Amino acid sequence: MEDYKIYNNFKDYEIYNNLKAPMDSNIILRLDGRNFHTLAKKMSLKKPYDNLFCKTMVDISKDIFNEFSPLFIYTFSDEINILLSEIPFSGRIEKLNSVFPSLASSSFLKHLNRYFSICNDENSIIYDENIIISFDSRVIPIANNKNIVKYFKWRQDESWRNCVNSYGYWTLRKEFSKDIATEKLKNLKSSDIHELLFEKGINLNDIDTYQKRGVAIYKYKEKVIGFNPKNNDKEVSYKNKLFVDKDLAIFDENFFKKIDII
């Protein structure tokens, strides 16, 4: 009887179930793909960038947007950053860090199958039971608008570093083994990699902007001109429209003010 009383309500024994994000500030959820290097190898993705993989990450972001209506999403490589003003699940960390990455994982599988099954059956993950897709998640409270700008500028800088290093590595891999290419890039500055690529006929200024700066998904107000029969005149209204920005400017305060995020 005593043991029954102790364990009568197992919910009381759930660990950290009451840990919550601060509800008086914005938060950012950063999702990262787990073991995506292995996935890229098994899927034979194009290096250093695969356009269909980018489309997949954008479609995941759109699915998240449609489900939770965040303020802003920024994605590059296998990373998704989600800015929330209205925090779901009463801010419960365990829910945020489980529902968002699980949604991303299922969405990823759906869109990846669609794109790669169409292009090449050999690339379809439907037929490879050894590929496991998952994301991890972390919650970052953002106290003010200044830190929103700083955070996304930090991630965009990481996108640029990733771009430079990826082009450097995969350009060298055309001539050298994995170990030798890695060793040659070791301790090189960004300017040195630029010079190396330029000698190989690659100018990073000419590549697609999304490869350098990532992709943002946000809503903007679209002007709609209609007709009001009561006034017998044109009427202007605005509706929110989801926009995928693959030609991003460098993030700064003006960018986020222009799109009404801050």
Protein backbone atom coordinates (compact mmCIF):
# COMPACT_ATOMS: atom_id res chain seq x y z
CA MET A 1 0.00 0.00 0.00
CA GLU A 2 2.82 2.38 0.85
CA ASP A 3 4.54 1.77 -2.49
CA TYR A 4 1.24 2.41 -4.26
CA LYS A 5 0.88 5.81 -2.55
CA ILE A 6 4.43 6.81 -3.46
CA TYR A 7 3.98 6.03 -7.17
CA ASN A 8 0.27 6.80 -7.48
CA ASN A 9 0.99 9.87 -9.57
CA PHE A 10 3.95 9.16 -11.83
CA LYS A 11 3.60 12.60 -13.44
CA ASP A 12 5.12 14.03 -10.25
CA TYR A 13 8.31 12.15 -11.13
CA GLU A 14 8.75 13.60 -14.61
CA ILE A 15 12.10 15.38 -14.71
CA TYR A 16 12.16 19.08 -15.68
CA ASN A 17 8.57 19.01 -16.91
CA ASN A 18 7.97 22.44 -15.34
CA LEU A 19 11.10 24.08 -16.75
CA LYS A 20 9.83 26.99 -18.87
CA ALA A 21 11.22 29.64 -21.19
CA PRO A 22 10.69 33.25 -20.06
CA MET A 23 7.32 34.32 -21.44
CA ASP A 24 8.11 38.05 -21.30
CA SER A 25 10.71 37.91 -24.10
CA ASN A 26 11.21 36.45 -27.54
CA ILE A 27 12.97 33.13 -27.88
CA ILE A 28 14.92 31.50 -30.68
CA LEU A 29 14.87 27.78 -31.32
CA ARG A 30 17.94 26.51 -33.16
CA LEU A 31 17.50 23.13 -34.82
CA ASP A 32 20.52 21.22 -36.10
CA GLY A 33 20.54 18.12 -38.26
CA ARG A 34 22.11 15.09 -36.60
CA ASN A 35 24.68 13.05 -38.55
CA PHE A 36 23.86 14.86 -41.78
CA HIS A 37 27.39 14.27 -43.09
CA THR A 38 26.50 10.58 -43.24
CA LEU A 39 23.17 11.43 -44.87
CA ALA A 40 24.86 13.57 -47.53
CA LYS A 41 27.24 10.74 -48.36
CA LYS A 42 24.52 8.10 -48.64
CA MET A 43 22.34 10.42 -50.71
CA SER A 44 25.25 11.39 -52.98
CA LEU A 45 24.40 15.05 -52.57
CA LYS A 46 26.23 17.50 -54.82
CA LYS A 47 29.22 19.22 -53.21
CA PRO A 48 29.70 21.77 -51.85
CA TYR A 49 26.02 22.71 -52.23
CA ASP A 50 23.02 20.74 -53.40
CA ASN A 51 20.13 22.86 -54.61
CA LEU A 52 17.51 20.19 -53.87
CA PHE A 53 18.79 19.81 -50.31
CA CYS A 54 18.43 23.58 -49.88
CA LYS A 55 14.87 23.38 -51.21
CA THR A 56 14.18 20.63 -48.67
CA MET A 57 15.40 22.79 -45.78
CA VAL A 58 13.29 25.71 -47.01
CA ASP A 59 10.21 23.50 -47.24
CA ILE A 60 10.77 22.29 -43.67
CA SER A 61 10.96 25.92 -42.59
CA LYS A 62 7.70 26.70 -44.40
CA ASP A 63 5.99 23.76 -42.69
CA ILE A 64 7.16 25.08 -39.31
CA PHE A 65 5.94 28.56 -40.26
CA ASN A 66 2.51 27.27 -41.19
CA GLU A 67 2.25 25.27 -37.97
CA PHE A 68 3.50 27.83 -35.43
CA SER A 69 3.51 31.29 -37.13
CA PRO A 70 6.93 32.48 -35.92
CA LEU A 71 8.22 35.96 -36.65
CA PHE A 72 11.19 34.85 -38.71
CA ILE A 73 13.09 31.73 -39.78
CA TYR A 74 16.67 31.61 -41.01
CA THR A 75 18.26 28.47 -42.44
CA PHE A 76 21.59 27.45 -43.90
CA SER A 77 23.27 24.07 -44.29
CA ASP A 78 21.39 21.70 -41.92
CA GLU A 79 20.49 24.43 -39.42
CA ILE A 80 17.12 26.15 -38.83
CA ASN A 81 16.76 29.20 -36.54
CA ILE A 82 13.21 30.07 -35.49
CA LEU A 83 12.32 33.41 -33.87
CA LEU A 84 9.15 33.16 -31.77
CA SER A 85 7.23 36.00 -30.13
CA GLU A 86 4.19 33.95 -29.16
CA ILE A 87 5.65 30.96 -27.36
CA PRO A 88 3.60 27.73 -27.61
CA PHE A 89 3.16 25.06 -24.94
CA SER A 90 3.26 27.72 -22.20
CA GLY A 91 6.99 27.92 -22.81
CA ARG A 92 7.67 24.37 -21.57
CA ILE A 93 11.23 23.56 -22.62
CA GLU A 94 10.68 19.82 -22.93
CA LYS A 95 7.79 20.42 -25.36
CA LEU A 96 9.65 23.02 -27.41
CA ASN A 97 12.74 20.82 -27.64
CA SER A 98 10.74 17.77 -28.68
CA VAL A 99 7.87 18.96 -30.88
CA PHE A 100 9.87 21.32 -33.11
CA PRO A 101 12.69 18.88 -34.00
CA SER A 102 10.23 16.01 -34.46
CA LEU A 103 8.17 18.17 -36.84
CA ALA A 104 11.36 19.09 -38.71
CA SER A 105 12.39 15.43 -38.97
CA SER A 106 9.07 14.25 -40.39
CA SER A 107 8.90 17.21 -42.75
CA PHE A 108 12.45 16.55 -43.91
CA LEU A 109 11.64 12.95 -44.76
CA LYS A 110 8.51 13.96 -46.68
CA HIS A 111 10.20 16.58 -48.84
CA LEU A 112 13.46 14.70 -49.32
CA ASN A 113 11.59 11.67 -50.63
CA ARG A 114 9.59 13.88 -52.98
CA TYR A 115 12.59 15.65 -54.49
CA PHE A 116 15.05 12.80 -54.71
CA SER A 117 12.58 10.12 -55.76
CA ILE A 118 11.69 12.26 -58.76
CA CYS A 119 15.31 12.94 -59.69
CA ASN A 120 16.92 9.59 -59.15
CA ASP A 121 15.46 6.43 -57.65
CA GLU A 122 18.90 5.38 -56.45
CA ASN A 123 18.99 8.51 -54.28
CA SER A 124 15.63 7.89 -52.66
CA ILE A 125 15.89 7.29 -48.93
CA ILE A 126 12.71 5.19 -49.14
CA TYR A 127 14.87 2.21 -50.03
CA ASP A 128 17.58 2.70 -47.40
CA GLU A 129 16.47 1.59 -43.96
CA ASN A 130 19.87 2.47 -42.49
CA ILE A 131 19.38 6.24 -42.82
CA ILE A 132 17.99 7.80 -39.66
CA ILE A 133 16.93 11.45 -39.87
CA SER A 134 16.76 13.56 -36.73
CA PHE A 135 17.29 17.09 -35.44
CA ASP A 136 18.34 18.37 -32.06
CA SER A 137 17.06 21.62 -30.56
CA ARG A 138 18.04 24.31 -28.10
CA VAL A 139 16.20 27.32 -26.72
CA ILE A 140 17.82 30.78 -26.66
CA PRO A 141 15.96 33.59 -24.83
CA ILE A 142 16.37 36.94 -26.60
CA ALA A 143 15.87 39.92 -24.32
CA ASN A 144 15.76 42.79 -26.82
CA ASN A 145 15.81 43.78 -30.49
CA LYS A 146 19.54 44.51 -30.42
CA ASN A 147 20.26 40.91 -29.51
CA ILE A 148 17.94 39.63 -32.25
CA VAL A 149 20.10 41.42 -34.81
CA LYS A 150 23.32 40.23 -33.15
CA TYR A 151 22.16 36.63 -33.02
CA PHE A 152 21.16 36.36 -36.68
CA LYS A 153 24.26 38.25 -37.81
CA TRP A 154 26.30 35.68 -35.84
CA ARG A 155 24.57 32.79 -37.62
CA GLN A 156 24.90 34.49 -41.02
CA ASP A 157 28.63 34.95 -40.40
CA GLU A 158 28.78 31.22 -39.69
CA SER A 159 27.00 30.58 -43.00
CA TRP A 160 29.69 32.58 -44.78
CA ARG A 161 32.54 30.73 -43.00
CA ASN A 162 30.86 27.45 -43.89
CA CYS A 163 30.64 28.54 -47.52
CA VAL A 164 34.30 29.52 -47.77
CA ASN A 165 35.54 26.36 -46.07
CA SER A 166 33.22 24.08 -48.06
CA TYR A 167 34.32 25.48 -51.41
CA GLY A 168 37.96 25.28 -50.31
CA TYR A 169 37.66 21.68 -49.15
CA TRP A 170 35.68 20.27 -52.08
CA THR A 171 37.83 22.09 -54.61
CA LEU A 172 40.92 20.47 -53.10
CA ARG A 173 39.18 17.08 -53.01
CA LYS A 174 39.19 17.09 -56.80
CA GLU A 175 42.96 16.63 -56.59
CA PHE A 176 43.73 15.27 -53.13
CA SER A 177 42.53 12.73 -50.58
CA LYS A 178 40.35 13.66 -47.62
CA ASP A 179 43.30 13.81 -45.23
CA ILE A 180 45.53 15.84 -47.52
CA ALA A 181 42.74 18.32 -48.38
CA THR A 182 41.99 18.79 -44.67
CA GLU A 183 45.67 19.30 -43.88
CA LYS A 184 46.10 21.86 -46.66
CA LEU A 185 43.18 23.91 -45.31
CA LYS A 186 44.41 23.70 -41.73
CA ASN A 187 45.25 27.13 -40.27
CA LEU A 188 44.45 28.93 -43.54
CA LYS A 189 42.78 32.31 -43.19
CA SER A 190 39.63 33.13 -45.15
CA SER A 191 41.66 35.39 -47.45
CA ASP A 192 44.07 32.52 -48.17
CA ILE A 193 41.19 30.22 -49.16
CA HIS A 194 39.80 32.98 -51.38
CA GLU A 195 43.16 33.19 -53.13
CA LEU A 196 43.38 29.42 -53.48
CA LEU A 197 39.91 29.28 -55.05
CA PHE A 198 40.64 32.22 -57.34
CA GLU A 199 43.69 30.39 -58.68
CA LYS A 200 41.37 27.46 -59.43
CA GLY A 201 39.00 29.73 -61.35
CA ILE A 202 36.38 30.11 -58.61
CA ASN A 203 35.27 33.57 -57.51
CA LEU A 204 33.01 33.38 -54.44
CA ASN A 205 31.48 36.72 -55.41
CA ASP A 206 29.84 34.98 -58.35
CA ILE A 207 28.13 32.10 -56.53
CA ASP A 208 24.45 32.07 -55.53
CA THR A 209 23.67 34.39 -52.63
CA TYR A 210 21.88 31.67 -50.64
CA GLN A 211 25.12 29.69 -50.49
CA LYS A 212 26.93 32.63 -48.92
CA ARG A 213 24.23 34.12 -46.68
CA GLY A 214 21.57 31.46 -46.20
CA VAL A 215 17.81 31.76 -46.69
CA ALA A 216 15.20 33.64 -44.66
CA ILE A 217 11.47 32.94 -44.48
CA TYR A 218 9.17 35.68 -43.22
CA LYS A 219 5.87 37.40 -43.92
CA TYR A 220 5.47 40.74 -45.62
CA LYS A 221 2.45 42.90 -46.31
CA GLU A 222 1.34 42.65 -49.93
CA LYS A 223 -0.65 45.56 -51.29
CA VAL A 224 -3.99 44.49 -52.77
CA ILE A 225 -6.10 46.88 -54.84
CA GLY A 226 -9.76 45.90 -54.93
CA PHE A 227 -13.07 47.54 -55.67
CA ASN A 228 -15.59 48.74 -53.09
CA PRO A 229 -19.08 48.70 -54.66
CA LYS A 230 -20.49 50.81 -51.84
CA ASN A 231 -18.17 53.69 -52.62
CA ASN A 232 -17.91 52.80 -56.29
CA ASP A 233 -14.17 53.27 -55.98
CA LYS A 234 -10.90 51.40 -55.68
CA GLU A 235 -9.95 50.17 -52.22
CA VAL A 236 -6.46 49.38 -50.97
CA SER A 237 -5.87 46.62 -48.43
CA TYR A 238 -2.90 44.58 -47.27
CA LYS A 239 -2.50 40.85 -46.65
CA ASN A 240 0.37 38.92 -45.14
CA LYS A 241 2.24 36.74 -47.60
CA LEU A 242 4.95 34.20 -46.84
CA PHE A 243 8.20 35.08 -48.58
CA VAL A 244 11.30 32.95 -49.14
CA ASP A 245 14.27 35.31 -49.39
CA LYS A 246 17.20 33.61 -51.17
CA ASP A 247 18.90 36.89 -52.04
CA LEU A 248 19.57 38.16 -48.53
CA ALA A 249 21.41 41.32 -47.68
CA ILE A 250 23.93 41.20 -44.87
CA PHE A 251 21.91 41.23 -41.65
CA ASP A 252 21.82 44.52 -39.77
CA GLU A 253 19.30 46.59 -37.84
CA ASN A 254 17.87 48.17 -40.99
CA PHE A 255 17.11 44.77 -42.52
CA PHE A 256 15.01 43.64 -39.56
CA LYS A 257 13.25 47.01 -39.30
CA LYS A 258 12.39 46.92 -42.99
CA ILE A 259 10.57 43.59 -42.64
CA ASP A 260 8.89 44.65 -39.34
CA ILE A 261 10.66 42.12 -37.13
CA ILE A 262 11.98 44.78 -34.74
